[in-house]
Amino acid sequence: CVPTEKCFVPISEIIAVEETELNKKQRNIGRWQKMAKLHAFIVYYVKKARNHRWRCSDVTFWCVDEHLCNQWIQALKELLEMQKSRPKQLLVYINPYGGKRQGKRIYEQKVAPLFSLASISTDVVVTEHANHAKDNLFEVNIYKYDGVVCVGGDGMFSEVMHGLIGRIQKDSGIDQNNPKASLVQCNIRIGIIPAGSTDCICYSTVGISDPVTSALHIIVGDCQPLDVSSVHHNNMFLKYSVSLLGYGFYGDILKDSEKKRWMGPMRYDYSGFKTFLSHHYYEGTIAYQPAKHTLGSPRDKDSCRTGCYICKKSEQQLAEQHKECGLKHEEGEEEWKVIKGKFLAINAVNMSCACPRSPKGLSPAAHLADGSADLILVRKCSRFDFLRYLVRHTNQDDQFDFPFVDVYRVKSFQFISKLSEDNESNVMDIGKKHFGQFCRDHPACCCNIVNSTWNCDGETLDSSAIEVRVHCQLMKLFARGIEENCKDEAAYSQNSAEQLL
């Protein structure tokens, strides 16, 4: 081999090895032009570029000794076979209608060739209607697959997640309607190929919304545990959430934008501006349990990154607590804190919720797998102050540094609107003890809309009283979290001790 540059690649980031024949141009390089027969092979590997982008690159090796060439090919293939975390068979769901309706094209042109190169076999299902993938996951033999891939936006991911988690609980005899049930961890990984209007979950777990990058994370078999929040109303399961659960501002935006799907992604801008001008606030009561097992705080500067220490330590501490207290969810013995007020926004996030427009997200220090959610309460304030708060999501300033903004790291919380509180005093067990009536000193309240809608990972949820609980690392993604930024396009990962090239 006559390399033009030095290249260090760990085995874990080699995609495939193939025998090849040299073309005429390669044969005429230097001293090799006089050789009668050359033997060669290509190594395909992950090349890391700027902004967390991955690409498939390759390098060709050749020599005159056929036996030596075959030895190298065999040795590399045996090492790749030892990478047990890599998937060999995947179930793929494609949403052909999401985003700009490019899901099928993106998969066929950008993703399928990479899966084929890596010798991954796939069963592909193109969804035909809402909940097609979710329903299908209850019917197929999911245990023969090494993972499930969804091609689409956050809505498609949510559908696959609900189907997969629901199937695992059904097979394990767990009642999802019981808010205190200890859910069984889902070990079948989900891969996200971004092709929707919003790809927040992909952006927050990989660092970029790029189909090729996500496909390569799936191929190398990355694994990122993810917390999941369950949402219940009156002992009835409603939804799972992994990113944003928002009431008030973000719920109103979603509700309004759903009526304007014909506008495409622009509908979010229009509805956001309209909702901001309306400046609605909502009265309610929140009770929450602090996440005492976590090391971090929503106000610290420790962002969640690959191999996050806080996530690992929090998981260990939570496991120790479960050993001491048992697996039952002892609501009555744990500390609850109650907050009453008028809110412009109530947001609970399991991850930063970063996106291109808001690189830090709604809670920059939120962690992917620490068994907690960040509860953000934005109290009633002037329209100008609320604008200042929203603008801080786009810059580097502390977005919680306002007197009308409170943030708490919680493991569970409950919310009830004033209207529900007045009419349904028995809506939740804890409501009997903690939720009292309030705002009696302001009978002429100017809040002309009584209830908002919950934005649950981009889907509307109409319930004015909910109970939310965070399940630590309930599911796993084909991802590794957000890596530290590469300084230049030639900066390759050198985390592995096995470096061959």
Protein backbone atom coordinates (compact mmCIF):
# COMPACT_ATOMS: atom_id res chain seq x y z
CA CYS A 1 0.00 0.00 0.00
CA VAL A 2 1.17 3.54 -0.77
CA PRO A 3 -0.94 5.79 1.49
CA THR A 4 -1.22 9.48 0.74
CA GLU A 5 -2.04 10.34 4.36
CA LYS A 6 -1.97 8.64 7.75
CA CYS A 7 -5.34 7.45 8.95
CA PHE A 8 -6.16 5.92 12.33
CA VAL A 9 -9.52 4.16 12.58
CA PRO A 10 -10.73 1.97 15.46
CA ILE A 11 -12.23 -1.38 14.50
CA SER A 12 -15.54 -0.21 15.95
CA GLU A 13 -15.79 2.41 13.18
CA ILE A 14 -14.89 0.20 10.21
CA ILE A 15 -18.03 -0.40 8.16
CA ALA A 16 -16.98 -3.17 5.79
CA VAL A 17 -14.04 -4.83 4.03
CA GLU A 18 -14.27 -5.95 0.40
CA GLU A 19 -11.88 -7.55 -2.07
CA THR A 20 -11.46 -5.43 -5.20
CA GLU A 21 -9.56 -5.04 -8.44
CA LEU A 22 -7.38 -2.03 -9.14
CA ASN A 23 -8.39 0.22 -11.96
CA LYS A 24 -5.96 1.34 -14.66
CA LYS A 25 -5.14 4.62 -12.93
CA GLN A 26 -4.22 2.87 -9.69
CA ARG A 27 -2.06 0.30 -11.53
CA ASN A 28 0.06 3.06 -13.06
CA ILE A 29 1.16 4.53 -9.74
CA GLY A 30 4.94 4.60 -9.31
CA ARG A 31 6.77 1.31 -9.05
CA TRP A 32 3.59 -0.77 -9.27
CA GLN A 33 3.20 -0.10 -13.00
CA LYS A 34 5.66 -2.87 -13.87
CA MET A 35 3.93 -5.49 -11.74
CA ALA A 36 1.93 -8.11 -13.61
CA LYS A 37 -0.68 -8.91 -10.96
CA LEU A 38 -1.81 -6.87 -7.96
CA HIS A 39 -4.23 -7.96 -5.25
CA ALA A 40 -6.29 -5.39 -3.37
CA PHE A 41 -9.05 -4.79 -0.86
CA ILE A 42 -11.08 -1.76 0.22
CA VAL A 43 -11.75 -0.75 3.80
CA TYR A 44 -14.89 1.36 4.26
CA TYR A 45 -14.87 3.38 7.46
CA VAL A 46 -16.52 6.26 9.31
CA LYS A 47 -15.01 9.64 8.59
CA LYS A 48 -15.99 12.33 11.09
CA ALA A 49 -16.49 15.86 9.84
CA ARG A 50 -17.60 19.12 11.40
CA ASN A 51 -20.80 19.55 13.43
CA HIS A 52 -21.10 15.84 14.32
CA ARG A 53 -21.53 14.84 10.69
CA TRP A 54 -20.36 11.35 9.71
CA ARG A 55 -19.57 10.13 6.22
CA CYS A 56 -18.60 6.79 4.69
CA SER A 57 -15.07 6.98 3.32
CA ASP A 58 -12.75 4.28 1.98
CA VAL A 59 -9.11 3.44 1.49
CA THR A 60 -7.65 0.82 -0.87
CA PHE A 61 -4.75 -1.47 0.05
CA TRP A 62 -2.86 -3.60 -2.47
CA CYS A 63 0.17 -5.86 -2.74
CA VAL A 64 1.66 -8.54 -5.03
CA ASP A 65 1.25 -11.36 -2.53
CA GLU A 66 -2.24 -12.84 -2.93
CA HIS A 67 -1.93 -14.92 0.24
CA LEU A 68 -0.98 -11.87 2.33
CA CYS A 69 -3.88 -9.89 0.87
CA ASN A 70 -6.34 -12.66 1.74
CA GLN A 71 -4.92 -12.90 5.25
CA TRP A 72 -5.60 -9.21 5.82
CA ILE A 73 -9.13 -9.48 4.47
CA GLN A 74 -9.89 -12.50 6.65
CA ALA A 75 -8.36 -10.93 9.77
CA LEU A 76 -10.36 -7.72 9.35
CA LYS A 77 -13.60 -9.58 8.71
CA GLU A 78 -13.07 -11.72 11.81
CA LEU A 79 -12.55 -8.59 13.90
CA LEU A 80 -15.75 -7.09 12.50
CA GLU A 81 -17.62 -10.29 13.37
CA MET A 82 -16.49 -9.82 16.97
CA GLN A 83 -18.39 -6.51 17.15
CA LYS A 84 -21.43 -8.12 18.77
CA SER A 85 -23.33 -4.86 19.22
CA ARG A 86 -23.73 -4.47 15.46
CA PRO A 87 -27.16 -5.26 14.00
CA LYS A 88 -27.53 -7.97 11.39
CA GLN A 89 -31.26 -7.82 10.81
CA LEU A 90 -33.46 -4.72 11.08
CA LEU A 91 -37.14 -3.93 10.82
CA VAL A 92 -37.59 -0.62 8.98
CA TYR A 93 -40.69 1.59 8.98
CA ILE A 94 -40.88 4.42 6.44
CA ASN A 95 -43.35 7.28 6.72
CA PRO A 96 -43.83 8.45 3.10
CA TYR A 97 -46.01 11.41 4.11
CA GLY A 98 -43.96 13.13 6.84
CA GLY A 99 -42.00 16.36 6.39
CA LYS A 100 -41.46 17.07 2.72
CA ARG A 101 -42.60 13.55 1.74
CA GLN A 102 -39.01 12.52 1.10
CA GLY A 103 -38.79 9.58 3.52
CA LYS A 104 -38.90 6.81 0.92
CA ARG A 105 -36.40 8.55 -1.36
CA ILE A 106 -34.02 9.29 1.52
CA TYR A 107 -34.05 5.67 2.65
CA GLU A 108 -33.61 4.15 -0.82
CA GLN A 109 -30.89 6.53 -2.00
CA LYS A 110 -28.91 7.32 1.15
CA VAL A 111 -29.53 4.61 3.74
CA ALA A 112 -30.28 1.30 1.99
CA PRO A 113 -26.94 1.24 0.09
CA LEU A 114 -25.05 1.67 3.38
CA PHE A 115 -27.03 -1.12 5.07
CA SER A 116 -26.28 -3.36 2.08
CA LEU A 117 -22.58 -2.50 2.23
CA ALA A 118 -22.53 -3.47 5.91
CA SER A 119 -24.35 -6.78 5.13
CA ILE A 120 -27.41 -5.81 7.16
CA SER A 121 -30.62 -7.50 6.03
CA THR A 122 -33.84 -5.51 6.34
CA ASP A 123 -37.59 -5.99 6.31
CA VAL A 124 -39.10 -2.72 5.10
CA VAL A 125 -42.66 -1.55 5.82
CA VAL A 126 -43.94 1.64 4.16
CA THR A 127 -46.68 2.91 6.46
CA GLU A 128 -50.05 3.65 4.92
CA HIS A 129 -51.92 5.35 7.75
CA ALA A 130 -51.52 6.70 11.27
CA ASN A 131 -50.49 4.07 13.85
CA HIS A 132 -49.64 1.56 11.11
CA ALA A 133 -46.17 0.96 12.58
CA LYS A 134 -47.47 0.89 16.15
CA ASP A 135 -50.13 -1.71 15.34
CA ASN A 136 -47.69 -3.76 13.26
CA LEU A 137 -45.23 -4.00 16.15
CA PHE A 138 -47.87 -5.83 18.19
CA GLU A 139 -48.20 -8.45 15.44
CA VAL A 140 -44.70 -9.22 14.12
CA ASN A 141 -42.02 -11.34 15.79
CA ILE A 142 -39.93 -8.43 17.05
CA TYR A 143 -37.45 -10.71 18.83
CA LYS A 144 -35.86 -11.88 15.58
CA TYR A 145 -34.64 -8.34 14.89
CA ASP A 146 -31.61 -6.58 16.32
CA GLY A 147 -33.38 -3.25 16.11
CA VAL A 148 -36.21 -1.20 14.66
CA VAL A 149 -35.53 1.75 12.36
CA CYS A 150 -38.00 4.57 11.73
CA VAL A 151 -37.64 6.86 8.72
CA GLY A 152 -39.54 10.07 9.38
CA GLY A 153 -39.87 12.83 11.95
CA ASP A 154 -40.50 12.91 15.69
CA GLY A 155 -44.07 11.70 15.16
CA MET A 156 -42.86 8.56 13.40
CA PHE A 157 -40.36 7.89 16.17
CA SER A 158 -43.09 8.33 18.79
CA GLU A 159 -45.29 5.82 16.99
CA VAL A 160 -42.53 3.21 16.84
CA MET A 161 -41.57 3.86 20.45
CA HIS A 162 -45.15 3.40 21.66
CA GLY A 163 -45.49 0.20 19.67
CA LEU A 164 -42.21 -1.27 20.88
CA ILE A 165 -42.55 -0.35 24.56
CA GLY A 166 -46.21 -1.36 24.55
CA ARG A 167 -45.37 -4.73 23.01
CA ILE A 168 -42.66 -5.43 25.59
CA GLN A 169 -45.01 -4.57 28.48
CA LYS A 170 -47.78 -6.73 27.00
CA ASP A 171 -45.43 -9.70 26.59
CA SER A 172 -44.19 -9.17 30.16
CA GLY A 173 -47.68 -8.95 31.66
CA ILE A 174 -47.30 -5.33 32.75
CA ASP A 175 -50.43 -3.14 32.95
CA GLN A 176 -49.56 0.19 31.33
CA ASN A 177 -52.65 1.77 32.89
CA ASN A 178 -51.09 1.46 36.32
CA PRO A 179 -49.07 4.66 36.85
CA LYS A 180 -47.08 3.00 39.63
CA ALA A 181 -46.07 -0.07 37.58
CA SER A 182 -42.36 -0.76 37.13
CA LEU A 183 -42.05 -0.98 33.36
CA VAL A 184 -39.80 -3.59 31.74
CA GLN A 185 -36.78 -2.14 29.95
CA CYS A 186 -36.90 -2.36 26.17
CA ASN A 187 -33.57 -3.76 24.93
CA ILE A 188 -34.45 -3.68 21.23
CA ARG A 189 -32.78 -0.51 19.97
CA ILE A 190 -34.52 2.09 17.84
CA GLY A 191 -32.72 3.86 15.01
CA ILE A 192 -33.91 7.23 13.73
CA ILE A 193 -33.38 8.26 10.10
CA PRO A 194 -34.48 11.92 10.13
CA ALA A 195 -36.93 12.82 7.35
CA GLY A 196 -39.60 14.95 9.03
CA SER A 197 -40.63 18.52 9.72
CA THR A 198 -38.98 18.35 13.13
CA ASP A 199 -36.20 15.96 14.09
CA CYS A 200 -35.60 17.17 17.64
CA ILE A 201 -34.94 13.74 19.13
CA CYS A 202 -32.33 12.88 16.51
CA TYR A 203 -30.64 16.28 16.91
CA SER A 204 -30.57 15.99 20.71
CA THR A 205 -29.08 12.47 20.73
CA VAL A 206 -26.65 12.65 17.79
CA GLY A 207 -25.97 16.37 17.41
CA ILE A 208 -27.21 16.68 13.83
CA SER A 209 -30.26 15.74 11.75
CA ASP A 210 -28.57 13.94 8.89
CA PRO A 211 -29.73 10.60 7.39
CA VAL A 212 -26.24 9.33 6.50
CA THR A 213 -24.85 10.13 9.96
CA SER A 214 -27.76 8.33 11.63
CA ALA A 215 -27.41 5.33 9.30
CA LEU A 216 -23.73 5.00 10.22
CA HIS A 217 -24.52 5.14 13.94
CA ILE A 218 -26.92 2.23 13.36
CA ILE A 219 -24.34 0.25 11.35
CA VAL A 220 -21.58 0.50 13.97
CA GLY A 221 -24.08 -0.59 16.63
CA ASP A 222 -24.02 2.41 18.91
CA CYS A 223 -26.25 2.27 21.99
CA GLN A 224 -27.63 5.23 23.94
CA PRO A 225 -30.05 4.57 26.83
CA LEU A 226 -32.95 7.00 27.03
CA ASP A 227 -35.33 8.01 29.80
CA VAL A 228 -39.04 7.81 29.01
CA SER A 229 -41.86 9.59 30.84
CA SER A 230 -45.25 7.94 31.15
CA VAL A 231 -48.33 10.18 31.20
CA HIS A 232 -51.52 9.04 32.95
CA HIS A 233 -54.93 10.50 33.74
CA ASN A 234 -57.08 8.96 36.43
CA ASN A 235 -55.29 5.58 36.27
CA MET A 236 -55.50 5.49 32.50
CA PHE A 237 -52.38 5.47 30.31
CA LEU A 238 -52.25 8.32 27.80
CA LYS A 239 -48.80 8.66 26.21
CA TYR A 240 -45.06 8.20 26.52
CA SER A 241 -42.77 11.18 26.14
CA VAL A 242 -39.00 11.37 25.56
CA SER A 243 -38.49 15.03 24.71
CA LEU A 244 -41.05 17.78 25.44
CA LEU A 245 -44.22 17.69 27.48
CA GLY A 246 -45.48 21.27 27.25
CA TYR A 247 -48.65 22.99 28.50
CA GLY A 248 -49.55 26.57 27.72
CA PHE A 249 -47.38 28.25 25.11
CA TYR A 250 -46.02 25.16 23.32
CA GLY A 251 -49.31 23.32 23.62
CA ASP A 252 -51.19 26.25 22.08
CA ILE A 253 -48.68 26.48 19.22
CA LEU A 254 -49.15 22.80 18.39
CA LYS A 255 -52.93 22.96 18.62
CA ASP A 256 -53.08 25.93 16.26
CA SER A 257 -50.49 24.52 13.84
CA GLU A 258 -52.41 21.25 13.46
CA LYS A 259 -55.12 23.21 11.65
CA LYS A 260 -52.58 24.56 9.18
CA ARG A 261 -50.69 21.47 8.02
CA TRP A 262 -51.12 22.68 4.44
CA MET A 263 -48.50 25.35 5.22
CA GLY A 264 -45.79 22.76 5.84
CA PRO A 265 -43.02 23.53 8.38
CA MET A 266 -43.84 27.25 8.12
CA ARG A 267 -46.96 26.59 10.17
CA TYR A 268 -44.89 26.49 13.36
CA ASP A 269 -43.55 30.01 12.77
CA TYR A 270 -47.01 31.37 12.03
CA SER A 271 -48.66 29.65 14.99
CA GLY A 272 -45.79 30.62 17.27
CA PHE A 273 -46.15 34.30 16.41
CA LYS A 274 -49.93 34.14 16.77
CA THR A 275 -49.68 32.37 20.15
CA PHE A 276 -47.11 34.87 21.41
CA LEU A 277 -49.42 37.77 20.58
CA SER A 278 -52.39 36.11 22.30
CA HIS A 279 -50.34 35.84 25.53
CA HIS A 280 -52.66 33.36 27.25
CA TYR A 281 -51.89 32.16 30.74
CA TYR A 282 -53.42 29.27 32.64
CA GLU A 283 -54.12 28.63 36.30
CA GLY A 284 -53.22 25.34 37.88
CA THR A 285 -51.47 23.41 40.60
CA ILE A 286 -48.31 21.35 40.23
CA ALA A 287 -47.01 18.77 42.69
CA TYR A 288 -43.58 17.24 42.08
CA GLN A 289 -41.06 14.89 43.59
CA PRO A 290 -37.45 16.16 43.43
CA ALA A 291 -34.96 13.83 41.72
CA LYS A 292 -32.64 13.44 44.69
CA HIS A 293 -30.73 10.58 43.06
CA THR A 294 -29.24 12.80 40.34
CA LEU A 295 -25.89 14.54 40.66
CA GLY A 296 -26.55 17.45 38.34
CA SER A 297 -28.80 20.48 38.39
CA PRO A 298 -30.74 22.25 35.60
CA ARG A 299 -28.71 25.36 36.36
CA ASP A 300 -25.25 23.82 36.02
CA LYS A 301 -23.05 23.82 32.93
CA ASP A 302 -22.60 20.06 32.60
CA SER A 303 -24.14 19.18 29.26
CA CYS A 304 -24.92 15.54 28.50
CA ARG A 305 -22.25 14.11 26.21
CA THR A 306 -21.05 10.70 25.04
CA GLY A 307 -20.31 8.45 28.02
CA CYS A 308 -21.97 10.93 30.40
CA TYR A 309 -20.75 10.45 33.97
CA ILE A 310 -23.90 11.95 35.52
CA CYS A 311 -26.17 9.53 33.63
CA LYS A 312 -24.08 6.52 34.68
CA LYS A 313 -23.86 7.61 38.30
CA SER A 314 -27.55 8.51 38.50
CA GLU A 315 -28.49 5.08 37.15
CA GLN A 316 -26.36 3.41 39.84
CA GLN A 317 -27.87 5.52 42.63
CA LEU A 318 -31.41 4.89 41.39
CA ALA A 319 -30.74 1.12 41.31
CA GLU A 320 -29.47 1.28 44.89
CA GLN A 321 -32.61 3.13 45.98
CA HIS A 322 -34.80 0.47 44.37
CA LYS A 323 -32.89 -2.26 46.23
CA GLU A 324 -33.44 -0.50 49.55
CA CYS A 325 -37.09 0.45 49.03
CA GLY A 326 -38.24 -2.33 46.72
CA LEU A 327 -39.65 -1.88 43.26
CA LYS A 328 -43.00 -0.54 44.38
CA HIS A 329 -43.63 3.14 43.85
CA GLU A 330 -44.22 4.42 47.36
CA GLU A 331 -45.99 7.70 46.64
CA GLY A 332 -47.12 8.45 50.17
CA GLU A 333 -43.71 8.19 51.83
CA GLU A 334 -41.80 10.38 49.41
CA GLU A 335 -41.54 14.14 49.54
CA TRP A 336 -43.96 16.15 47.39
CA LYS A 337 -43.72 19.86 46.78
CA VAL A 338 -46.71 21.88 45.62
CA ILE A 339 -46.79 25.04 43.48
CA LYS A 340 -49.91 27.01 42.59
CA GLY A 341 -50.10 29.89 40.17
CA LYS A 342 -50.77 31.36 36.76
CA PHE A 343 -48.47 30.06 34.06
CA LEU A 344 -47.65 31.06 30.50
CA ALA A 345 -45.83 27.78 29.98
CA ILE A 346 -45.27 24.52 31.85
CA ASN A 347 -42.56 22.42 30.22
CA ALA A 348 -41.15 19.07 31.27
CA VAL A 349 -38.18 17.85 29.21
CA ASN A 350 -36.29 14.55 29.32
CA MET A 351 -33.53 15.92 27.09
CA SER A 352 -32.23 19.34 26.08
CA CYS A 353 -34.70 19.54 23.15
CA ALA A 354 -31.97 21.20 21.10
CA CYS A 355 -32.61 21.94 17.44
CA PRO A 356 -30.94 24.08 14.76
CA ARG A 357 -32.90 27.17 15.82
CA SER A 358 -32.20 26.59 19.49
CA PRO A 359 -28.77 24.90 19.71
CA LYS A 360 -28.91 24.73 23.53
CA GLY A 361 -32.55 23.66 23.70
CA LEU A 362 -35.16 24.31 26.38
CA SER A 363 -32.92 22.96 29.14
CA PRO A 364 -29.23 22.85 28.13
CA ALA A 365 -28.14 20.72 31.11
CA ALA A 366 -30.89 18.10 30.82
CA HIS A 367 -29.55 14.54 30.61
CA LEU A 368 -30.65 11.71 28.35
CA ALA A 369 -30.49 8.86 30.84
CA ASP A 370 -30.33 10.07 34.44
CA GLY A 371 -33.87 9.07 35.43
CA SER A 372 -35.15 12.62 35.73
CA ALA A 373 -36.91 15.39 33.83
CA ASP A 374 -36.41 19.14 34.06
CA LEU A 375 -39.66 20.87 35.01
CA ILE A 376 -39.69 24.47 33.75
CA LEU A 377 -42.39 26.83 35.02
CA VAL A 378 -42.85 30.19 33.31
CA ARG A 379 -45.19 32.29 35.40
CA LYS A 380 -47.44 35.05 34.17
CA CYS A 381 -45.33 38.05 33.12
CA SER A 382 -45.42 40.88 30.61
CA ARG A 383 -45.31 40.12 26.92
CA PHE A 384 -41.93 41.87 26.70
CA ASP A 385 -40.44 39.76 29.50
CA PHE A 386 -41.77 36.59 27.89
CA LEU A 387 -40.13 37.62 24.62
CA ARG A 388 -36.82 38.10 26.46
CA TYR A 389 -37.18 34.56 27.80
CA LEU A 390 -37.89 33.10 24.35
CA VAL A 391 -34.96 34.93 22.75
CA ARG A 392 -32.56 33.38 25.24
CA HIS A 393 -33.24 29.97 23.72
CA THR A 394 -31.30 31.16 20.66
CA ASN A 395 -28.22 32.59 22.39
CA GLN A 396 -25.73 31.69 25.11
CA ASP A 397 -27.38 33.55 28.01
CA ASP A 398 -28.87 31.73 31.00
CA GLN A 399 -32.52 31.24 30.03
CA PHE A 400 -33.54 30.47 33.61
CA ASP A 401 -32.18 33.75 35.00
CA PHE A 402 -35.54 35.48 35.30
CA PRO A 403 -37.66 36.07 38.42
CA PHE A 404 -40.71 34.59 36.66
CA VAL A 405 -38.96 31.34 35.61
CA ASP A 406 -38.45 28.36 37.95
CA VAL A 407 -36.79 25.07 37.03
CA TYR A 408 -36.65 21.83 39.01
CA ARG A 409 -35.13 18.42 38.37
CA VAL A 410 -37.89 15.91 39.11
CA LYS A 411 -38.59 12.19 38.92
CA SER A 412 -42.37 12.62 38.79
CA PHE A 413 -44.98 15.37 38.85
CA GLN A 414 -48.71 15.92 38.66
CA PHE A 415 -50.69 18.82 37.26
CA ILE A 416 -54.30 19.85 37.53
CA SER A 417 -55.88 22.94 35.97
CA LYS A 418 -58.06 25.20 38.09
CA LEU A 419 -61.19 24.19 36.22
CA SER A 420 -60.54 20.49 36.83
CA GLU A 421 -59.63 21.21 40.39
CA ASP A 422 -62.93 22.92 40.99
CA ASN A 423 -64.99 20.22 39.25
CA GLU A 424 -63.04 17.00 39.78
CA SER A 425 -61.54 17.03 43.24
CA ASN A 426 -60.95 13.30 43.05
CA VAL A 427 -59.15 13.32 39.69
CA MET A 428 -55.90 12.14 41.31
CA ASP A 429 -55.09 10.55 44.63
CA ILE A 430 -52.60 13.21 45.52
CA GLY A 431 -55.08 15.87 44.51
CA LYS A 432 -57.21 14.99 47.54
CA LYS A 433 -54.34 15.90 49.84
CA HIS A 434 -52.52 18.75 48.12
CA PHE A 435 -54.66 20.56 45.56
CA GLY A 436 -56.72 23.32 47.16
CA GLN A 437 -58.76 25.99 45.41
CA PHE A 438 -57.13 29.33 44.82
CA CYS A 439 -57.42 32.63 42.94
CA ARG A 440 -60.63 33.43 44.83
CA ASP A 441 -59.31 36.93 45.43
CA HIS A 442 -59.41 37.55 41.67
CA PRO A 443 -62.93 36.58 40.58
CA ALA A 444 -62.75 38.79 37.50
CA CYS A 445 -59.80 36.85 36.12
CA CYS A 446 -58.86 37.96 32.62
CA CYS A 447 -57.78 34.47 31.60
CA ASN A 448 -60.36 33.98 28.87
CA ILE A 449 -59.22 30.48 27.90
CA VAL A 450 -59.53 28.09 30.81
CA ASN A 451 -57.47 25.11 29.62
CA SER A 452 -54.55 24.64 27.26
CA THR A 453 -53.46 21.51 25.38
CA TRP A 454 -50.43 19.38 26.20
CA ASN A 455 -47.74 19.11 23.54
CA CYS A 456 -46.44 15.57 23.99
CA ASP A 457 -43.45 15.13 21.68
CA GLY A 458 -45.26 17.04 18.93
CA GLU A 459 -48.65 15.39 19.43
CA THR A 460 -51.64 17.01 21.11
CA LEU A 461 -52.89 15.62 24.40
CA ASP A 462 -56.18 17.00 25.72
CA SER A 463 -56.19 16.46 29.44
CA SER A 464 -56.32 19.13 32.10
CA ALA A 465 -55.08 16.76 34.82
CA ILE A 466 -52.13 14.43 34.32
CA GLU A 467 -49.67 12.33 36.30
CA VAL A 468 -46.14 12.00 34.91
CA ARG A 469 -43.40 9.61 35.97
CA VAL A 470 -39.87 9.25 34.57
CA HIS A 471 -38.67 5.70 33.85
CA CYS A 472 -34.88 5.58 33.93
CA GLN A 473 -33.34 4.23 30.70
CA LEU A 474 -36.54 2.49 29.63
CA MET A 475 -35.41 2.29 26.00
CA LYS A 476 -32.28 2.40 23.86
CA LEU A 477 -31.33 4.20 20.66
CA PHE A 478 -28.78 3.47 17.95
CA ALA A 479 -26.78 6.53 19.02
CA ARG A 480 -23.93 7.44 21.36
CA GLY A 481 -25.05 10.83 22.61
CA ILE A 482 -23.49 14.04 21.39
CA GLU A 483 -19.73 13.81 21.01
CA GLU A 484 -17.39 16.69 21.67
CA ASN A 485 -16.99 18.79 18.54
CA CYS A 486 -14.35 17.69 16.06
CA LYS A 487 -11.84 20.48 15.40
CA ASP A 488 -11.51 19.72 11.72
CA GLU A 489 -12.68 17.28 9.09
CA ALA A 490 -9.60 15.09 9.49
CA ALA A 491 -10.08 14.54 13.21
CA TYR A 492 -10.91 10.88 13.69
CA SER A 493 -11.97 9.14 16.84
CA GLN A 494 -9.10 7.41 18.65
CA ASN A 495 -10.99 6.01 21.61
CA SER A 496 -10.29 2.38 20.78
CA ALA A 497 -7.08 0.62 21.76
CA GLU A 498 -7.29 -1.46 18.59
CA GLN A 499 -5.98 0.70 15.77
CA LEU A 500 -5.18 -1.13 12.62
CA LEU A 501 -4.94 1.25 9.70
